Amino acid sequence: MREGLLAALERLQRRLGSELTQRCRLWIDEGNYADAARAVLHYYDRCYAHQIENRQAPVIKELTCTTDDPALAARLLHQWEQDLPPETFTATTPL
């Protein structure tokens, strides 16, 4: 396990920086896996937070299905997804 952790740490060195990588190496050598994991997780938490801040909000749309016919519902969904008016199709079996 130790060798695998050290190998993974080497692959992360460019991102973590030499000082933090060295500190993590020492912790792993001492069997102090918790501190090494916390240090690496802190780095990743910052990266994820940065990505979330720069991400555009997802587009959320709502669709009300008026049929229990799976084939018709699929066609309605397909048309709706393409931003075509859902009135293009009419449900033959109301819910």
N, C-alpha and C. Protein backbone atom coordinates (compact mmCIF):
# COMPACT_ATOMS: atom_id res chain seq x y z
N MET A 1 0.82 -1.19 0.00
CA MET A 1 0.00 0.00 0.00
C MET A 1 0.87 1.26 0.00
N ARG A 2 1.90 1.26 0.79
CA ARG A 2 2.78 2.41 0.91
C ARG A 2 3.37 2.80 -0.44
N GLU A 3 3.83 1.80 -1.20
CA GLU A 3 4.45 2.07 -2.48
C GLU A 3 3.44 2.68 -3.46
N GLY A 4 2.23 2.17 -3.42
CA GLY A 4 1.19 2.71 -4.30
C GLY A 4 0.86 4.16 -3.97
N LEU A 5 0.81 4.46 -2.68
CA LEU A 5 0.54 5.84 -2.27
C LEU A 5 1.66 6.78 -2.69
N LEU A 6 2.89 6.32 -2.51
CA LEU A 6 4.03 7.16 -2.91
C LEU A 6 4.06 7.37 -4.41
N ALA A 7 3.72 6.33 -5.17
CA ALA A 7 3.69 6.46 -6.63
C ALA A 7 2.60 7.46 -7.05
N ALA A 8 1.44 7.38 -6.41
CA ALA A 8 0.36 8.32 -6.72
C ALA A 8 0.77 9.74 -6.34
N LEU A 9 1.45 9.87 -5.23
CA LEU A 9 1.91 11.18 -4.78
C LEU A 9 2.89 11.78 -5.78
N GLU A 10 3.76 10.96 -6.33
CA GLU A 10 4.72 11.43 -7.34
C GLU A 10 4.00 11.99 -8.56
N ARG A 11 2.91 11.32 -8.96
CA ARG A 11 2.14 11.80 -10.11
C ARG A 11 1.46 13.14 -9.82
N LEU A 12 1.20 13.41 -8.56
CA LEU A 12 0.55 14.66 -8.16
C LEU A 12 1.52 15.79 -7.83
N GLN A 13 2.80 15.49 -7.79
CA GLN A 13 3.79 16.45 -7.32
C GLN A 13 3.71 17.79 -8.05
N ARG A 14 3.53 17.75 -9.35
CA ARG A 14 3.48 18.99 -10.12
C ARG A 14 2.33 19.88 -9.64
N ARG A 15 1.21 19.27 -9.26
CA ARG A 15 0.06 20.04 -8.81
C ARG A 15 0.16 20.44 -7.33
N LEU A 16 0.71 19.55 -6.53
CA LEU A 16 0.78 19.81 -5.09
C LEU A 16 1.93 20.75 -4.72
N GLY A 17 2.98 20.74 -5.52
CA GLY A 17 4.17 21.49 -5.19
C GLY A 17 5.15 20.62 -4.41
N SER A 18 6.42 20.97 -4.48
CA SER A 18 7.45 20.11 -3.88
C SER A 18 7.38 20.09 -2.35
N GLU A 19 7.04 21.22 -1.73
CA GLU A 19 7.00 21.27 -0.26
C GLU A 19 5.90 20.36 0.29
N LEU A 20 4.69 20.47 -0.24
CA LEU A 20 3.59 19.65 0.24
C LEU A 20 3.82 18.17 -0.09
N THR A 21 4.38 17.92 -1.27
CA THR A 21 4.68 16.53 -1.65
C THR A 21 5.67 15.92 -0.67
N GLN A 22 6.71 16.66 -0.32
CA GLN A 22 7.71 16.16 0.63
C GLN A 22 7.09 15.89 1.99
N ARG A 23 6.24 16.81 2.44
CA ARG A 23 5.57 16.63 3.72
C ARG A 23 4.70 15.37 3.70
N CYS A 24 3.96 15.18 2.60
CA CYS A 24 3.11 13.99 2.47
C CYS A 24 3.95 12.72 2.44
N ARG A 25 5.10 12.75 1.77
CA ARG A 25 6.01 11.60 1.75
C ARG A 25 6.43 11.22 3.17
N LEU A 26 6.78 12.22 3.96
CA LEU A 26 7.20 11.96 5.34
C LEU A 26 6.05 11.36 6.14
N TRP A 27 4.87 11.91 5.99
CA TRP A 27 3.72 11.36 6.71
C TRP A 27 3.45 9.91 6.31
N ILE A 28 3.54 9.62 5.03
CA ILE A 28 3.32 8.25 4.56
C ILE A 28 4.40 7.33 5.12
N ASP A 29 5.65 7.78 5.10
CA ASP A 29 6.75 6.98 5.66
C ASP A 29 6.54 6.69 7.14
N GLU A 30 5.94 7.65 7.85
CA GLU A 30 5.68 7.48 9.28
C GLU A 30 4.40 6.69 9.54
N GLY A 31 3.67 6.38 8.50
CA GLY A 31 2.40 5.68 8.66
C GLY A 31 1.26 6.62 9.01
N ASN A 32 1.50 7.89 8.89
CA ASN A 32 0.50 8.91 9.21
C ASN A 32 -0.31 9.21 7.94
N TYR A 33 -1.11 8.24 7.53
CA TYR A 33 -1.88 8.36 6.29
C TYR A 33 -2.97 9.42 6.39
N ALA A 34 -3.49 9.62 7.57
CA ALA A 34 -4.58 10.58 7.75
C ALA A 34 -4.15 12.00 7.38
N ASP A 35 -2.97 12.43 7.86
CA ASP A 35 -2.51 13.78 7.54
C ASP A 35 -2.16 13.91 6.06
N ALA A 36 -1.59 12.87 5.48
CA ALA A 36 -1.28 12.91 4.05
C ALA A 36 -2.57 13.02 3.24
N ALA A 37 -3.57 12.24 3.61
CA ALA A 37 -4.85 12.28 2.90
C ALA A 37 -5.52 13.64 3.05
N ARG A 38 -5.48 14.20 4.27
CA ARG A 38 -6.08 15.52 4.50
C ARG A 38 -5.42 16.58 3.62
N ALA A 39 -4.10 16.52 3.50
CA ALA A 39 -3.38 17.52 2.70
C ALA A 39 -3.76 17.42 1.23
N VAL A 40 -3.84 16.20 0.71
CA VAL A 40 -4.21 16.02 -0.69
C VAL A 40 -5.67 16.40 -0.91
N LEU A 41 -6.54 16.03 0.03
CA LEU A 41 -7.95 16.39 -0.10
C LEU A 41 -8.16 17.90 -0.05
N HIS A 42 -7.37 18.57 0.76
CA HIS A 42 -7.45 20.03 0.82
C HIS A 42 -7.15 20.63 -0.56
N TYR A 43 -6.14 20.09 -1.23
CA TYR A 43 -5.81 20.56 -2.57
C TYR A 43 -7.00 20.33 -3.51
N TYR A 44 -7.55 19.12 -3.50
CA TYR A 44 -8.66 18.81 -4.40
C TYR A 44 -9.92 19.59 -4.05
N ASP A 45 -10.17 19.82 -2.78
CA ASP A 45 -11.33 20.63 -2.39
C ASP A 45 -11.23 22.03 -2.99
N ARG A 46 -10.05 22.61 -2.96
CA ARG A 46 -9.86 23.94 -3.56
C ARG A 46 -10.09 23.90 -5.06
N CYS A 47 -9.60 22.84 -5.72
CA CYS A 47 -9.79 22.72 -7.17
C CYS A 47 -11.27 22.60 -7.52
N TYR A 48 -11.99 21.75 -6.79
CA TYR A 48 -13.41 21.56 -7.06
C TYR A 48 -14.18 22.85 -6.78
N ALA A 49 -13.84 23.55 -5.72
CA ALA A 49 -14.52 24.81 -5.41
C ALA A 49 -14.31 25.82 -6.54
N HIS A 50 -13.10 25.87 -7.07
CA HIS A 50 -12.79 26.78 -8.17
C HIS A 50 -13.61 26.41 -9.41
N GLN A 51 -13.72 25.12 -9.71
CA GLN A 51 -14.50 24.69 -10.87
C GLN A 51 -15.97 25.04 -10.70
N ILE A 52 -16.49 24.85 -9.51
CA ILE A 52 -17.90 25.13 -9.25
C ILE A 52 -18.18 26.63 -9.41
N GLU A 53 -17.27 27.47 -8.93
CA GLU A 53 -17.45 28.91 -9.06
C GLU A 53 -17.48 29.35 -10.51
N ASN A 54 -16.71 28.68 -11.36
CA ASN A 54 -16.59 29.09 -12.76
C ASN A 54 -17.56 28.36 -13.69
N ARG A 55 -18.35 27.47 -13.17
CA ARG A 55 -19.27 26.69 -13.99
C ARG A 55 -20.57 27.47 -14.18
N GLN A 56 -21.10 27.39 -15.39
CA GLN A 56 -22.39 28.01 -15.64
C GLN A 56 -23.48 27.17 -14.99
N ALA A 57 -24.51 27.84 -14.57
CA ALA A 57 -25.63 27.13 -13.96
C ALA A 57 -26.27 26.21 -15.00
N PRO A 58 -26.64 25.01 -14.60
CA PRO A 58 -27.28 24.10 -15.56
C PRO A 58 -28.66 24.61 -15.96
N VAL A 59 -29.05 24.25 -17.15
CA VAL A 59 -30.37 24.62 -17.63
C VAL A 59 -31.33 23.53 -17.17
N ILE A 60 -32.31 23.93 -16.40
CA ILE A 60 -33.29 22.97 -15.88
C ILE A 60 -34.63 23.32 -16.52
N LYS A 61 -35.20 22.33 -17.15
CA LYS A 61 -36.50 22.52 -17.79
C LYS A 61 -37.49 21.55 -17.16
N GLU A 62 -38.74 21.90 -17.27
CA GLU A 62 -39.78 21.04 -16.71
C GLU A 62 -40.73 20.61 -17.83
N LEU A 63 -41.14 19.36 -17.78
CA LEU A 63 -42.05 18.82 -18.78
C LEU A 63 -43.17 18.09 -18.06
N THR A 64 -44.38 18.39 -18.45
CA THR A 64 -45.53 17.67 -17.93
C THR A 64 -46.02 16.73 -19.02
N CYS A 65 -46.06 15.47 -18.70
CA CYS A 65 -46.50 14.47 -19.66
C CYS A 65 -48.00 14.22 -19.46
N THR A 66 -48.75 14.24 -20.55
CA THR A 66 -50.20 14.10 -20.45
C THR A 66 -50.69 12.76 -20.98
N THR A 67 -49.80 11.81 -21.10
CA THR A 67 -50.20 10.50 -21.62
C THR A 67 -49.51 9.39 -20.85
N ASP A 68 -50.13 8.23 -20.83
CA ASP A 68 -49.46 7.07 -20.23
C ASP A 68 -48.99 6.11 -21.32
N ASP A 69 -49.03 6.56 -22.58
CA ASP A 69 -48.53 5.78 -23.71
C ASP A 69 -47.02 6.02 -23.83
N PRO A 70 -46.18 5.01 -23.54
CA PRO A 70 -44.73 5.21 -23.54
C PRO A 70 -44.18 5.69 -24.88
N ALA A 71 -44.69 5.18 -25.99
CA ALA A 71 -44.19 5.59 -27.31
C ALA A 71 -44.50 7.05 -27.57
N LEU A 72 -45.73 7.45 -27.26
CA LEU A 72 -46.12 8.85 -27.46
C LEU A 72 -45.34 9.75 -26.51
N ALA A 73 -45.16 9.33 -25.27
CA ALA A 73 -44.39 10.13 -24.31
C ALA A 73 -42.95 10.31 -24.80
N ALA A 74 -42.38 9.27 -25.38
CA ALA A 74 -41.01 9.37 -25.91
C ALA A 74 -40.95 10.37 -27.06
N ARG A 75 -41.96 10.33 -27.95
CA ARG A 75 -41.99 11.28 -29.06
C ARG A 75 -42.16 12.70 -28.55
N LEU A 76 -43.05 12.88 -27.57
CA LEU A 76 -43.24 14.21 -26.99
C LEU A 76 -41.95 14.73 -26.35
N LEU A 77 -41.29 13.87 -25.62
CA LEU A 77 -40.03 14.25 -24.98
C LEU A 77 -38.99 14.62 -26.02
N HIS A 78 -38.90 13.83 -27.08
CA HIS A 78 -37.94 14.12 -28.14
C HIS A 78 -38.23 15.47 -28.79
N GLN A 79 -39.49 15.74 -29.08
CA GLN A 79 -39.86 17.02 -29.68
C GLN A 79 -39.59 18.17 -28.70
N TRP A 80 -39.96 17.97 -27.46
CA TRP A 80 -39.74 19.00 -26.44
C TRP A 80 -38.25 19.30 -26.29
N GLU A 81 -37.45 18.24 -26.31
CA GLU A 81 -36.00 18.40 -26.16
C GLU A 81 -35.43 19.24 -27.29
N GLN A 82 -36.00 19.14 -28.44
CA GLN A 82 -35.53 19.92 -29.59
C GLN A 82 -36.15 21.31 -29.62
N ASP A 83 -36.82 21.68 -28.54
CA ASP A 83 -37.48 22.98 -28.40
C ASP A 83 -38.55 23.22 -29.46
N LEU A 84 -39.14 22.16 -29.93
CA LEU A 84 -40.29 22.29 -30.82
C LEU A 84 -41.54 22.35 -29.95
N PRO A 85 -42.57 22.99 -30.43
CA PRO A 85 -43.79 23.08 -29.61
C PRO A 85 -44.35 21.69 -29.32
N PRO A 86 -44.62 21.36 -28.07
CA PRO A 86 -45.17 20.06 -27.74
C PRO A 86 -46.56 19.85 -28.33
N GLU A 87 -47.23 20.93 -28.73
CA GLU A 87 -48.56 20.79 -29.32
C GLU A 87 -48.50 20.09 -30.69
N THR A 88 -47.28 19.87 -31.19
CA THR A 88 -47.12 19.18 -32.47
C THR A 88 -47.77 17.81 -32.40
N PHE A 89 -47.72 17.20 -31.24
CA PHE A 89 -48.35 15.89 -31.03
C PHE A 89 -49.46 16.04 -30.02
N THR A 90 -50.48 15.27 -30.15
CA THR A 90 -51.54 15.29 -29.15
C THR A 90 -51.66 13.91 -28.54
N ALA A 91 -51.89 13.88 -27.25
CA ALA A 91 -52.01 12.59 -26.56
C ALA A 91 -53.36 11.97 -26.90
N THR A 92 -53.31 10.68 -27.24
CA THR A 92 -54.56 9.99 -27.57
C THR A 92 -55.16 9.35 -26.34
N THR A 93 -54.35 9.11 -25.31
CA THR A 93 -54.84 8.50 -24.09
C THR A 93 -54.53 9.43 -22.93
N PRO A 94 -55.52 10.16 -22.42
CA PRO A 94 -55.25 11.07 -21.30
C PRO A 94 -54.95 10.28 -20.03
N LEU A 95 -54.20 10.92 -19.15
CA LEU A 95 -53.88 10.28 -17.86
C LEU A 95 -55.07 10.24 -16.96
